[in-house]
Amino acid sequence: MSGVLLTDRYLSPMTEADLDEVAAIEKLAYEFPWSRGNFQDSLRNGYYGVCLRHVTGTLIGYCVLMPVVDEMHLLNLCVTPQAQGAGAGLALLREAVRLSRLQKLDGILLEVRPSNPRAVHLYERFGFATIGRRKNYYPARHRSREDALVMRLTFSKEGADAAE
């Protein structure tokens, strides 16, 4: 992955130099954000980090992917609140699929909060199916924990692109 241009946006590998911006957006977008150290550990462990930037250089969104045996695990996908709904999430998901296919993996697995319908809708629209639920997975404000929906996108054996 090397600076793929997408009209007015481009994708690039996440590096240590991106982490202050990534952590700042994470804090804006989530009530229970990952720390800068979580992102740093992910990169150090060889996970894929992808940044989506506007041509001006402004960070729009990012994702972190971890290959596990025969599938990719989408650990984190975030788009700045002001850029949501403009296709940035789809661009990051397309890149996740591209990277997963390059590794010859069978699909992508993720967890998402049921209380985040916008994210659930994005994943469903892209072709992910709910395959289960992890009880008490996420921290929550008004209750001790929130369940996670487990979703999977399985790639067709013919190599066709994921539905979008």
Protein backbone atom coordinates (compact mmCIF):
# COMPACT_ATOMS: atom_id res chain seq x y z
CA MET A 1 0.00 0.00 0.00
CA SER A 2 1.63 3.20 -1.09
CA GLY A 3 -0.26 6.47 -1.19
CA VAL A 4 -3.23 5.28 -3.29
CA LEU A 5 -5.06 8.38 -4.64
CA LEU A 6 -8.86 8.45 -4.30
CA THR A 7 -10.07 11.67 -5.98
CA ASP A 8 -9.56 14.16 -3.14
CA ARG A 9 -8.31 11.58 -0.61
CA TYR A 10 -5.47 9.12 -0.39
CA LEU A 11 -4.57 6.04 1.62
CA SER A 12 -1.19 5.46 3.22
CA PRO A 13 0.29 3.10 5.79
CA MET A 14 -0.09 4.26 9.38
CA THR A 15 3.27 5.06 10.94
CA GLU A 16 4.51 6.22 14.33
CA ALA A 17 4.43 9.80 12.98
CA ASP A 18 0.62 9.54 12.53
CA LEU A 19 -0.16 8.42 16.07
CA ASP A 20 -0.72 11.81 17.72
CA GLU A 21 -3.32 12.71 15.06
CA VAL A 22 -4.87 9.23 15.20
CA ALA A 23 -5.19 9.36 19.00
CA ALA A 24 -6.71 12.86 18.85
CA ILE A 25 -9.41 11.72 16.40
CA GLU A 26 -10.02 8.59 18.44
CA LYS A 27 -10.77 10.76 21.50
CA LEU A 28 -13.18 12.92 19.48
CA ALA A 29 -15.06 9.99 18.02
CA TYR A 30 -15.38 7.54 20.90
CA GLU A 31 -16.47 7.68 24.51
CA PHE A 32 -14.03 4.84 25.29
CA PRO A 33 -11.13 5.49 22.89
CA TRP A 34 -8.02 3.46 22.26
CA SER A 35 -4.92 5.08 23.72
CA ARG A 36 -1.96 6.21 21.65
CA GLY A 37 -0.16 3.24 23.19
CA ASN A 38 -2.78 0.81 21.83
CA PHE A 39 -2.06 2.06 18.31
CA GLN A 40 1.68 2.02 18.92
CA ASP A 41 1.54 -1.57 20.18
CA SER A 42 -0.51 -2.60 17.14
CA LEU A 43 2.09 -1.20 14.74
CA ARG A 44 4.96 -2.74 16.72
CA ASN A 45 3.22 -6.12 16.58
CA GLY A 46 3.08 -5.96 12.78
CA TYR A 47 -0.62 -5.22 12.39
CA TYR A 48 -1.72 -3.19 9.39
CA GLY A 49 -2.55 0.44 10.06
CA VAL A 50 -4.12 2.47 7.27
CA CYS A 51 -4.63 6.24 7.20
CA LEU A 52 -7.07 8.05 4.93
CA ARG A 53 -6.14 11.69 4.34
CA HIS A 54 -7.54 14.57 2.37
CA VAL A 55 -5.15 15.81 -0.34
CA THR A 56 -4.39 18.72 2.00
CA GLY A 57 -2.88 16.18 4.41
CA THR A 58 -5.70 16.33 6.97
CA LEU A 59 -6.37 12.94 8.55
CA ILE A 60 -9.95 11.85 7.78
CA GLY A 61 -9.94 8.31 9.15
CA TYR A 62 -7.96 5.18 9.81
CA CYS A 63 -8.22 1.49 10.50
CA VAL A 64 -6.15 -1.21 12.19
CA LEU A 65 -6.16 -4.78 10.91
CA MET A 66 -4.70 -7.93 12.42
CA PRO A 67 -4.21 -11.08 10.34
CA VAL A 68 -5.24 -14.19 12.29
CA VAL A 69 -4.80 -17.63 10.73
CA ASP A 70 -7.12 -17.51 7.68
CA GLU A 71 -8.94 -14.19 8.16
CA MET A 72 -8.30 -10.54 8.91
CA HIS A 73 -9.62 -9.05 12.15
CA LEU A 74 -10.69 -5.41 11.84
CA LEU A 75 -9.71 -4.09 15.26
CA ASN A 76 -10.51 -0.41 14.79
CA LEU A 77 -12.07 1.73 12.08
CA CYS A 78 -12.70 5.40 12.71
CA VAL A 79 -13.72 8.39 10.60
CA THR A 80 -13.63 11.93 11.98
CA PRO A 81 -17.13 12.98 13.04
CA GLN A 82 -17.24 15.82 10.47
CA ALA A 83 -16.30 13.44 7.60
CA GLN A 84 -18.79 10.68 8.43
CA GLY A 85 -21.33 9.84 5.75
CA ALA A 86 -19.08 10.91 2.85
CA GLY A 87 -17.63 7.53 1.86
CA ALA A 88 -14.51 7.49 4.02
CA GLY A 89 -15.60 4.38 5.91
CA LEU A 90 -16.27 2.58 2.63
CA ALA A 91 -12.84 3.59 1.32
CA LEU A 92 -11.20 2.14 4.43
CA LEU A 93 -13.24 -1.07 4.18
CA ARG A 94 -12.25 -1.46 0.51
CA GLU A 95 -8.60 -1.14 1.55
CA ALA A 96 -9.13 -3.73 4.31
CA VAL A 97 -10.52 -6.12 1.70
CA ARG A 98 -7.62 -5.41 -0.66
CA LEU A 99 -5.03 -6.07 2.06
CA SER A 100 -6.85 -9.22 3.18
CA ARG A 101 -6.98 -10.58 -0.35
CA LEU A 102 -3.28 -9.82 -0.86
CA GLN A 103 -2.63 -12.05 2.15
CA LYS A 104 -4.91 -14.71 0.59
CA LEU A 105 -7.22 -14.64 3.61
CA ASP A 106 -10.81 -15.91 3.51
CA GLY A 107 -12.56 -12.86 4.97
CA ILE A 108 -12.75 -10.18 7.62
CA LEU A 109 -14.10 -10.44 11.16
CA LEU A 110 -15.02 -7.51 13.43
CA GLU A 111 -16.86 -6.54 16.58
CA VAL A 112 -19.14 -3.52 16.74
CA ARG A 113 -21.32 -1.94 19.41
CA PRO A 114 -25.06 -2.49 18.84
CA SER A 115 -25.46 1.08 20.16
CA ASN A 116 -23.56 2.35 17.08
CA PRO A 117 -26.23 1.89 14.37
CA ARG A 118 -24.32 4.03 11.87
CA ALA A 119 -21.36 1.62 12.00
CA VAL A 120 -23.61 -1.46 11.94
CA HIS A 121 -25.36 -0.06 8.84
CA LEU A 122 -22.01 0.65 7.13
CA TYR A 123 -20.85 -2.92 7.68
CA GLU A 124 -24.18 -4.42 6.59
CA ARG A 125 -24.21 -2.22 3.48
CA PHE A 126 -20.72 -3.46 2.65
CA GLY A 127 -21.83 -7.09 2.94
CA PHE A 128 -20.90 -8.09 6.51
CA ALA A 129 -23.30 -10.49 8.23
CA THR A 130 -23.88 -10.74 11.98
CA ILE A 131 -22.64 -14.16 13.11
CA GLY A 132 -22.79 -13.82 16.87
CA ARG A 133 -22.65 -11.71 19.98
CA ARG A 134 -19.90 -11.30 22.58
CA LYS A 135 -21.46 -10.66 25.97
CA ASN A 136 -20.14 -7.77 28.07
CA TYR A 137 -17.40 -6.99 25.52
CA TYR A 138 -17.21 -3.18 25.64
CA PRO A 139 -17.07 -0.75 28.57
CA ALA A 140 -20.25 1.30 28.90
CA ARG A 141 -21.24 4.39 30.83
CA HIS A 142 -24.68 3.59 32.26
CA ARG A 143 -24.11 -0.10 32.69
CA SER A 144 -20.97 -1.98 33.45
CA ARG A 145 -20.49 -3.49 29.96
CA GLU A 146 -22.06 -3.57 26.48
CA ASP A 147 -22.29 -6.60 24.20
CA ALA A 148 -20.57 -6.64 20.80
CA LEU A 149 -22.09 -7.83 17.56
CA VAL A 150 -19.65 -10.13 15.76
CA MET A 151 -19.77 -9.60 12.01
CA ARG A 152 -17.99 -11.36 9.17
CA LEU A 153 -17.42 -10.69 5.52
CA THR A 154 -16.54 -13.89 3.68
CA PHE A 155 -14.82 -13.56 0.32
CA SER A 156 -16.19 -15.51 -2.60
CA LYS A 157 -13.89 -18.20 -3.92
CA GLU A 158 -14.13 -16.74 -7.44
CA GLY A 159 -12.34 -13.60 -6.30
CA ALA A 160 -15.29 -11.25 -6.86
CA ASP A 161 -15.20 -8.02 -4.89
CA ALA A 162 -17.27 -7.58 -1.76
CA ALA A 163 -20.73 -6.12 -2.13
CA GLU A 164 -20.89 -2.40 -1.53
